[in-house]
N, C-alpha and C. Protein backbone atom coordinates (compact mmCIF):
# COMPACT_ATOMS: atom_id res chain seq x y z
N MET A 1 -23.68 -2.53 20.52
CA MET A 1 -22.80 -2.94 19.33
C MET A 1 -23.59 -3.58 18.28
N ASP A 2 -23.47 -3.31 17.08
CA ASP A 2 -24.36 -3.90 15.81
C ASP A 2 -23.81 -4.94 15.67
N ASP A 3 -24.91 -6.11 15.69
CA ASP A 3 -24.50 -7.53 15.38
C ASP A 3 -24.00 -7.72 13.70
N ASP A 4 -24.31 -6.88 12.93
CA ASP A 4 -24.35 -7.10 11.76
C ASP A 4 -22.48 -6.95 11.42
N LEU A 5 -21.95 -6.00 12.50
CA LEU A 5 -20.56 -5.77 11.83
C LEU A 5 -19.69 -6.54 12.59
N ILE A 6 -20.33 -7.54 13.20
CA ILE A 6 -19.21 -8.49 13.97
C ILE A 6 -19.03 -9.57 12.89
N THR A 7 -17.67 -9.77 12.75
CA THR A 7 -17.01 -10.43 11.44
C THR A 7 -17.40 -12.12 11.64
N GLU A 8 -16.88 -12.37 12.97
CA GLU A 8 -17.41 -13.60 13.47
C GLU A 8 -18.95 -14.49 12.91
N ARG A 9 -19.85 -13.55 13.18
CA ARG A 9 -21.20 -13.72 12.79
C ARG A 9 -21.91 -13.53 11.36
N ARG A 10 -20.80 -13.27 10.55
CA ARG A 10 -21.31 -13.36 9.00
C ARG A 10 -20.48 -14.67 8.40
N PRO A 11 -21.27 -14.91 7.31
CA PRO A 11 -20.83 -16.33 6.55
C PRO A 11 -19.81 -15.79 5.36
N ILE A 12 -18.64 -15.48 5.61
CA ILE A 12 -17.36 -15.18 5.03
C ILE A 12 -16.56 -16.22 5.04
N ALA A 13 -16.11 -16.46 3.66
CA ALA A 13 -15.18 -17.49 3.04
C ALA A 13 -13.80 -17.15 3.51
N PHE A 14 -13.38 -16.18 3.04
CA PHE A 14 -12.14 -15.36 3.03
C PHE A 14 -12.20 -14.01 3.42
N PRO A 15 -11.93 -13.79 4.70
CA PRO A 15 -12.01 -12.31 5.39
C PRO A 15 -10.82 -11.91 5.11
N GLN A 16 -10.42 -11.32 3.97
CA GLN A 16 -9.07 -10.66 3.64
C GLN A 16 -9.55 -9.15 3.85
N VAL A 17 -8.34 -8.54 4.60
CA VAL A 17 -8.39 -7.24 4.85
C VAL A 17 -7.14 -6.45 4.69
N PHE A 18 -7.28 -5.23 4.25
CA PHE A 18 -5.93 -4.77 4.17
C PHE A 18 -5.94 -3.38 4.64
N GLY A 19 -4.68 -3.06 5.60
CA GLY A 19 -4.27 -2.08 6.19
C GLY A 19 -4.19 -0.84 5.76
N TYR A 20 -4.40 0.29 6.51
CA TYR A 20 -3.89 1.74 6.08
C TYR A 20 -3.27 2.35 7.21
N LEU A 21 -2.36 2.92 6.87
CA LEU A 21 -1.86 4.07 8.00
C LEU A 21 -1.43 5.13 7.27
N ARG A 22 -1.91 6.47 7.88
CA ARG A 22 -1.41 7.64 7.39
C ARG A 22 0.00 8.16 7.93
N HIS A 23 0.57 9.19 7.09
CA HIS A 23 2.15 9.33 7.61
C HIS A 23 2.51 9.04 9.27
N VAL A 24 3.34 8.32 9.45
CA VAL A 24 3.39 7.94 10.56
C VAL A 24 4.87 8.82 11.10
N THR A 25 4.67 9.55 12.55
CA THR A 25 5.80 10.20 12.94
C THR A 25 6.40 8.95 13.81
N GLY A 26 7.62 9.41 14.23
CA GLY A 26 8.40 8.34 15.01
C GLY A 26 9.07 7.08 14.53
N GLY A 27 9.13 7.18 13.32
CA GLY A 27 10.09 6.60 12.50
C GLY A 27 9.41 4.91 12.40
N LEU A 28 10.74 4.15 11.97
CA LEU A 28 10.35 2.50 11.83
C LEU A 28 9.59 1.92 13.24
N PRO A 29 10.46 2.48 14.28
CA PRO A 29 9.72 1.63 15.47
C PRO A 29 8.17 1.88 15.62
N ARG A 30 7.72 3.22 15.55
CA ARG A 30 6.33 3.37 15.61
C ARG A 30 5.35 2.74 14.32
N HIS A 31 6.10 2.55 13.20
CA HIS A 31 5.41 2.26 12.06
C HIS A 31 5.36 0.59 12.21
N THR A 32 6.37 0.27 12.89
CA THR A 32 6.30 -1.59 13.06
C THR A 32 5.24 -1.75 14.19
N ALA A 33 5.10 -0.77 15.40
CA ALA A 33 4.39 -0.82 16.29
C ALA A 33 2.90 -0.85 15.84
N LEU A 34 2.55 0.02 14.86
CA LEU A 34 1.27 0.17 14.48
C LEU A 34 1.06 -1.08 13.08
N VAL A 35 1.99 -1.46 12.75
CA VAL A 35 1.47 -2.86 11.84
C VAL A 35 1.31 -3.97 12.90
N ASP A 36 2.08 -3.97 13.98
CA ASP A 36 1.88 -4.99 14.84
C ASP A 36 0.67 -5.01 15.40
N CYS A 37 0.04 -3.77 15.81
CA CYS A 37 -1.15 -3.74 16.10
C CYS A 37 -2.54 -4.15 15.35
N LEU A 38 -2.08 -3.97 13.90
CA LEU A 38 -3.36 -4.26 12.79
C LEU A 38 -3.13 -5.86 12.77
N THR A 39 -1.85 -6.42 12.87
CA THR A 39 -1.71 -7.96 12.64
C THR A 39 -2.35 -8.38 13.64
N GLU A 40 -2.04 -8.10 15.20
CA GLU A 40 -2.52 -8.73 16.36
C GLU A 40 -4.23 -8.51 16.60
N TYR A 41 -4.61 -7.48 15.99
CA TYR A 41 -6.33 -7.24 15.96
C TYR A 41 -6.56 -8.32 14.88
N CYS A 42 -6.16 -8.38 13.70
CA CYS A 42 -6.66 -9.26 12.65
C CYS A 42 -6.59 -10.82 12.87
N ASP A 43 -5.70 -11.19 13.66
CA ASP A 43 -5.36 -12.55 13.89
C ASP A 43 -6.27 -12.91 15.00
N ARG A 44 -6.68 -11.99 15.91
CA ARG A 44 -7.63 -12.04 17.23
C ARG A 44 -9.29 -12.37 16.58
N HIS A 45 -9.11 -11.39 15.44
CA HIS A 45 -10.50 -11.69 14.98
C HIS A 45 -10.76 -12.41 13.55
N GLU A 46 -9.79 -13.19 13.21
CA GLU A 46 -9.72 -14.32 12.48
C GLU A 46 -9.69 -13.62 10.93
N LEU A 47 -9.30 -12.50 10.83
CA LEU A 47 -9.16 -11.86 9.54
C LEU A 47 -7.65 -12.17 8.84
N ALA A 48 -7.64 -12.01 7.66
CA ALA A 48 -6.32 -12.35 6.90
C ALA A 48 -6.14 -10.85 6.53
N LEU A 49 -5.13 -10.30 7.02
CA LEU A 49 -4.23 -9.02 6.73
C LEU A 49 -3.66 -9.29 5.51
N CYS A 50 -3.97 -8.86 4.83
CA CYS A 50 -3.27 -9.03 3.08
C CYS A 50 -1.96 -8.11 2.56
N GLY A 51 -2.02 -7.00 3.65
CA GLY A 51 -0.95 -6.04 3.26
C GLY A 51 -1.52 -4.89 3.90
N VAL A 52 -0.33 -3.86 4.08
CA VAL A 52 -0.54 -2.75 4.87
C VAL A 52 -0.25 -1.64 3.91
N PHE A 53 -0.63 -0.39 3.72
CA PHE A 53 -0.81 0.79 2.75
C PHE A 53 -0.35 1.94 3.57
N THR A 54 0.82 2.34 3.26
CA THR A 54 1.09 3.35 4.39
C THR A 54 1.62 4.65 3.67
N ASP A 55 1.47 5.80 3.75
CA ASP A 55 1.56 7.07 3.28
C ASP A 55 2.77 7.42 3.79
N ARG A 56 3.80 7.48 2.98
CA ARG A 56 5.06 8.10 3.60
C ARG A 56 5.39 9.57 3.84
N ASP A 57 4.53 10.38 2.93
CA ASP A 57 4.55 11.70 2.68
C ASP A 57 3.44 12.63 3.93
N ALA A 58 4.18 13.76 4.60
CA ALA A 58 3.17 14.02 5.50
C ALA A 58 1.90 15.11 4.79
N THR A 59 2.16 15.36 3.78
CA THR A 59 1.31 16.07 2.78
C THR A 59 -0.27 15.33 2.62
N VAL A 60 -1.24 16.04 3.07
CA VAL A 60 -2.54 15.61 3.39
C VAL A 60 -3.41 15.96 1.87
N ILE A 61 -3.55 14.63 1.17
CA ILE A 61 -4.60 14.90 0.03
C ILE A 61 -5.47 13.69 0.23
N VAL A 62 -6.42 13.80 -0.60
CA VAL A 62 -7.57 12.87 -0.62
C VAL A 62 -7.19 11.70 -1.21
N ARG A 63 -6.24 11.97 -2.41
CA ARG A 63 -6.19 10.76 -3.36
C ARG A 63 -4.45 10.35 -3.15
N SER A 64 -4.11 10.38 -2.14
CA SER A 64 -2.40 9.83 -1.82
C SER A 64 -2.32 8.38 -2.47
N PRO A 65 -0.93 8.30 -2.57
CA PRO A 65 -0.77 6.88 -3.74
C PRO A 65 -1.07 5.64 -2.65
N ALA A 66 -0.68 5.85 -1.65
CA ALA A 66 -0.96 4.49 -0.47
C ALA A 66 -2.45 4.37 -0.20
N PHE A 67 -3.47 5.66 -0.22
CA PHE A 67 -4.86 5.39 -0.28
C PHE A 67 -5.39 5.05 -1.52
N VAL A 68 -4.80 5.31 -2.33
CA VAL A 68 -5.35 4.83 -4.02
C VAL A 68 -4.93 3.38 -4.00
N GLY A 69 -3.93 2.98 -3.37
CA GLY A 69 -3.52 1.47 -3.50
C GLY A 69 -4.33 0.65 -2.52
N LEU A 70 -4.86 1.23 -1.69
CA LEU A 70 -5.86 0.96 -0.76
C LEU A 70 -6.98 0.47 -1.49
N LEU A 71 -7.65 1.56 -1.79
CA LEU A 71 -8.78 1.34 -2.90
C LEU A 71 -9.12 0.42 -4.01
N ASP A 72 -7.67 0.38 -4.40
CA ASP A 72 -7.71 -0.84 -5.58
C ASP A 72 -7.70 -2.18 -4.80
N ALA A 73 -6.85 -2.26 -3.85
CA ALA A 73 -7.29 -3.54 -3.19
C ALA A 73 -8.29 -4.00 -2.55
N LEU A 74 -9.30 -2.83 -2.31
CA LEU A 74 -10.73 -3.26 -1.90
C LEU A 74 -11.42 -3.72 -3.11
N GLU A 75 -10.98 -3.36 -4.03
CA GLU A 75 -11.86 -3.69 -5.39
C GLU A 75 -11.73 -5.30 -5.62
N LEU A 76 -10.66 -5.60 -5.16
CA LEU A 76 -10.26 -7.08 -5.37
C LEU A 76 -11.59 -8.27 -5.02
N PRO A 77 -11.92 -9.25 -5.55
CA PRO A 77 -13.24 -10.12 -5.32
C PRO A 77 -13.24 -10.35 -4.13
N ASP A 78 -12.18 -10.79 -3.45
CA ASP A 78 -12.18 -11.42 -2.10
C ASP A 78 -12.11 -10.65 -0.73
N ALA A 79 -11.82 -9.10 -1.01
CA ALA A 79 -11.59 -8.33 -0.26
C ALA A 79 -12.96 -7.94 0.79
N TYR A 80 -12.64 -8.04 1.94
CA TYR A 80 -13.60 -7.84 3.03
C TYR A 80 -13.60 -6.49 3.62
N GLY A 81 -12.50 -5.84 3.87
CA GLY A 81 -12.61 -4.44 4.33
C GLY A 81 -11.34 -3.94 4.53
N ALA A 82 -11.16 -2.64 5.31
CA ALA A 82 -10.11 -1.85 5.35
C ALA A 82 -9.62 -1.74 6.84
N VAL A 83 -8.63 -2.03 7.51
CA VAL A 83 -8.46 -1.87 8.89
C VAL A 83 -7.43 -0.75 9.23
N VAL A 84 -7.82 0.04 9.96
CA VAL A 84 -6.90 1.18 10.67
C VAL A 84 -6.66 1.22 12.12
N PRO A 85 -5.75 1.76 12.49
CA PRO A 85 -5.53 1.44 13.91
C PRO A 85 -6.58 2.54 14.83
N ALA A 86 -6.80 3.94 14.28
CA ALA A 86 -7.76 4.41 14.75
C ALA A 86 -8.27 5.40 13.64
N LEU A 87 -9.62 6.22 13.62
CA LEU A 87 -10.13 7.02 12.60
C LEU A 87 -9.17 7.97 12.00
N SER A 88 -8.31 8.50 12.99
CA SER A 88 -7.57 9.76 12.69
C SER A 88 -6.37 9.18 11.64
N HIS A 89 -6.14 7.88 11.49
CA HIS A 89 -5.35 7.72 10.10
C HIS A 89 -6.07 7.82 9.11
N LEU A 90 -7.32 8.23 8.94
CA LEU A 90 -7.81 8.41 7.50
C LEU A 90 -7.80 10.02 7.17
N GLY A 91 -7.51 10.80 8.24
CA GLY A 91 -6.91 12.23 7.88
C GLY A 91 -7.88 13.08 8.89
N PRO A 92 -7.78 14.31 8.72
CA PRO A 92 -8.36 15.27 9.47
C PRO A 92 -9.83 15.11 9.19
N LYS A 93 -10.91 16.03 9.88
CA LYS A 93 -12.18 15.70 10.02
C LYS A 93 -12.69 15.54 8.69
N GLY A 94 -12.62 16.60 7.55
CA GLY A 94 -13.14 16.51 6.29
C GLY A 94 -12.39 15.79 5.68
N LEU A 95 -11.39 15.24 5.37
CA LEU A 95 -10.54 14.40 4.55
C LEU A 95 -11.01 13.04 4.95
N GLY A 96 -11.27 12.55 6.22
CA GLY A 96 -11.15 11.60 6.93
C GLY A 96 -12.84 11.07 6.69
N THR A 97 -13.59 12.00 6.63
CA THR A 97 -14.73 11.47 6.47
C THR A 97 -15.13 11.32 4.63
N GLU A 98 -14.38 12.13 4.04
CA GLU A 98 -14.45 11.71 2.34
C GLU A 98 -13.73 10.10 2.42
N ARG A 99 -12.83 9.93 2.84
CA ARG A 99 -12.02 8.60 2.56
C ARG A 99 -12.78 7.67 3.61
N GLU A 100 -13.37 7.54 4.28
CA GLU A 100 -14.47 6.84 4.95
C GLU A 100 -15.70 6.45 3.74
N ARG A 101 -16.13 7.47 2.86
CA ARG A 101 -16.96 7.47 2.18
C ARG A 101 -16.43 6.49 0.99
N GLN A 102 -15.36 6.80 0.66
CA GLN A 102 -14.76 5.83 -0.58
C GLN A 102 -14.49 4.85 -0.23
N ILE A 103 -14.11 4.47 1.19
CA ILE A 103 -14.01 3.02 1.46
C ILE A 103 -15.41 2.32 1.15
N THR A 104 -16.22 2.56 1.94
CA THR A 104 -17.37 2.11 1.98
C THR A 104 -18.21 2.04 0.47
N ALA A 105 -17.79 2.98 0.01
CA ALA A 105 -18.60 2.92 -1.58
C ALA A 105 -18.15 1.86 -2.21
N THR A 106 -16.75 1.20 -2.20
CA THR A 106 -16.09 0.03 -2.59
C THR A 106 -16.89 -1.29 -2.30
N GLY A 107 -18.02 -0.95 -1.26
CA GLY A 107 -18.24 -2.22 -0.84
C GLY A 107 -17.90 -2.92 0.53
N ALA A 108 -16.71 -2.42 0.99
CA ALA A 108 -15.88 -2.97 2.00
C ALA A 108 -16.24 -2.20 3.47
N ARG A 109 -15.92 -3.03 4.14
CA ARG A 109 -16.28 -2.62 5.85
C ARG A 109 -14.88 -1.72 6.04
N LEU A 110 -15.21 -0.97 6.95
CA LEU A 110 -14.02 -0.25 7.43
C LEU A 110 -14.33 -0.52 9.17
N ILE A 111 -12.87 -1.20 9.55
CA ILE A 111 -12.72 -1.80 10.89
C ILE A 111 -11.92 -0.81 11.19
N VAL A 112 -12.11 -0.38 12.63
CA VAL A 112 -11.35 0.56 13.40
C VAL A 112 -10.88 -0.08 14.71
N VAL A 113 -9.72 -0.34 14.94
CA VAL A 113 -9.02 -0.95 15.74
C VAL A 113 -9.38 -0.30 17.38
N ARG A 114 -8.89 0.91 17.49
CA ARG A 114 -9.27 1.75 18.70
C ARG A 114 -10.37 2.83 18.19
N PRO A 115 -11.48 2.86 19.08
CA PRO A 115 -12.52 3.67 18.70
C PRO A 115 -12.23 5.19 19.12
N LEU A 116 -12.70 5.93 18.42
CA LEU A 116 -12.37 7.42 18.63
C LEU A 116 -12.54 7.89 20.18
N SER A 117 -13.19 7.43 20.65
CA SER A 117 -13.42 8.02 22.45
C SER A 117 -13.59 6.82 23.22
N ARG A 118 -13.13 6.81 24.46
CA ARG A 118 -13.53 5.77 25.39
C ARG A 118 -13.81 6.73 26.53
N PRO A 119 -15.07 7.23 26.86
CA PRO A 119 -15.66 7.79 28.06
C PRO A 119 -15.03 7.28 29.43
N ARG A 120 -15.07 5.85 29.43
CA ARG A 120 -14.65 5.39 30.94
C ARG A 120 -13.38 5.65 31.18
N ASP A 121 -12.32 5.86 30.34
CA ASP A 121 -11.15 5.51 30.49
C ASP A 121 -10.53 6.88 30.36
N PRO A 122 -9.49 7.02 31.08
CA PRO A 122 -9.27 8.67 30.80
C PRO A 122 -7.93 8.35 29.80
N PRO A 123 -7.56 9.33 28.95
CA PRO A 123 -6.61 9.33 28.03
C PRO A 123 -5.08 8.80 28.23
N LEU A 124 -4.51 8.12 27.57
CA LEU A 124 -2.95 7.93 27.93
C LEU A 124 -2.09 9.01 27.86
N ARG A 125 -1.66 9.43 28.80
CA ARG A 125 -0.53 10.40 28.65
C ARG A 125 0.56 9.93 27.96
N SER A 126 1.26 10.98 27.50
CA SER A 126 2.42 10.57 26.74
C SER A 126 3.39 9.65 27.29
N ALA A 127 3.88 9.98 28.80
CA ALA A 127 4.49 9.38 29.57
C ALA A 127 4.16 8.08 29.74
N GLN A 128 2.64 7.73 30.11
CA GLN A 128 2.37 6.40 29.91
C GLN A 128 2.37 5.41 28.55
N ALA A 129 2.04 6.22 27.37
CA ALA A 129 2.38 5.67 26.16
C ALA A 129 3.42 5.24 26.18
N LYS A 130 4.82 5.94 26.20
CA LYS A 130 6.13 5.33 26.35
C LYS A 130 6.30 4.34 27.43
N VAL A 131 5.72 4.21 28.29
CA VAL A 131 5.98 2.90 29.37
C VAL A 131 5.09 1.80 28.89
N CYS A 132 4.14 1.95 28.20
CA CYS A 132 3.13 0.92 27.82
C CYS A 132 3.58 0.28 26.67
N GLY A 133 4.55 1.01 25.78
CA GLY A 133 4.90 0.42 24.50
C GLY A 133 3.57 0.56 23.49
N ARG A 134 3.47 -0.79 23.02
CA ARG A 134 2.28 -0.69 22.03
C ARG A 134 0.91 -0.60 22.46
N ARG A 135 0.79 -0.30 23.77
CA ARG A 135 -0.57 -0.43 24.32
C ARG A 135 -1.34 1.04 23.77
N GLU A 136 -0.82 2.22 23.31
CA GLU A 136 -1.29 3.33 22.90
C GLU A 136 -2.01 2.98 21.95
N VAL A 137 -1.65 2.30 20.84
CA VAL A 137 -2.53 1.88 19.61
C VAL A 137 -3.19 0.63 19.88
N CYS A 138 -2.65 -0.55 20.73
CA CYS A 138 -3.23 -1.81 20.53
C CYS A 138 -4.43 -1.86 21.58
N ASP A 139 -4.74 -1.00 22.54
CA ASP A 139 -5.55 -1.05 23.60
C ASP A 139 -7.06 -0.86 23.02
N VAL A 140 -7.57 -2.22 22.67
CA VAL A 140 -9.11 -2.15 22.46
C VAL A 140 -9.85 -2.78 23.67
N ARG A 141 -10.75 -1.92 23.83
CA ARG A 141 -11.75 -1.96 25.17
C ARG A 141 -13.44 -2.15 24.46
N ALA A 142 -14.16 -3.07 25.03
CA ALA A 142 -15.47 -3.07 24.59
C ALA A 142 -16.12 -1.99 25.13
């Protein structure tokens, strides 16, 4: 792990972050679980989650209203970064790459709660995810 990316080792006075969620299937319970996941992660890492931008429309476009709101918030003087539950929330491969570029172009960090792959752990099956509740989105392993 690159020590430069560890918040606790950087001299930051107000580590304010903003969450972003792509269109959430599963309704309000799923949205609430994702917001809780971001909140718990930020609390654990001493980051101030100042808001969560959520795209409500399933249409996939580069400059959706919620994503534009996120970019605007990242331009604020005390903004440290954007936090997402997983890279998939930035969109499919090409779109996700472009959105990642736009986030880092603001000078902000992109913080991913759950990495794309965890080779030592098998992926959760749907049945396990239902049983585990929020573990599906909050399970962060080093």
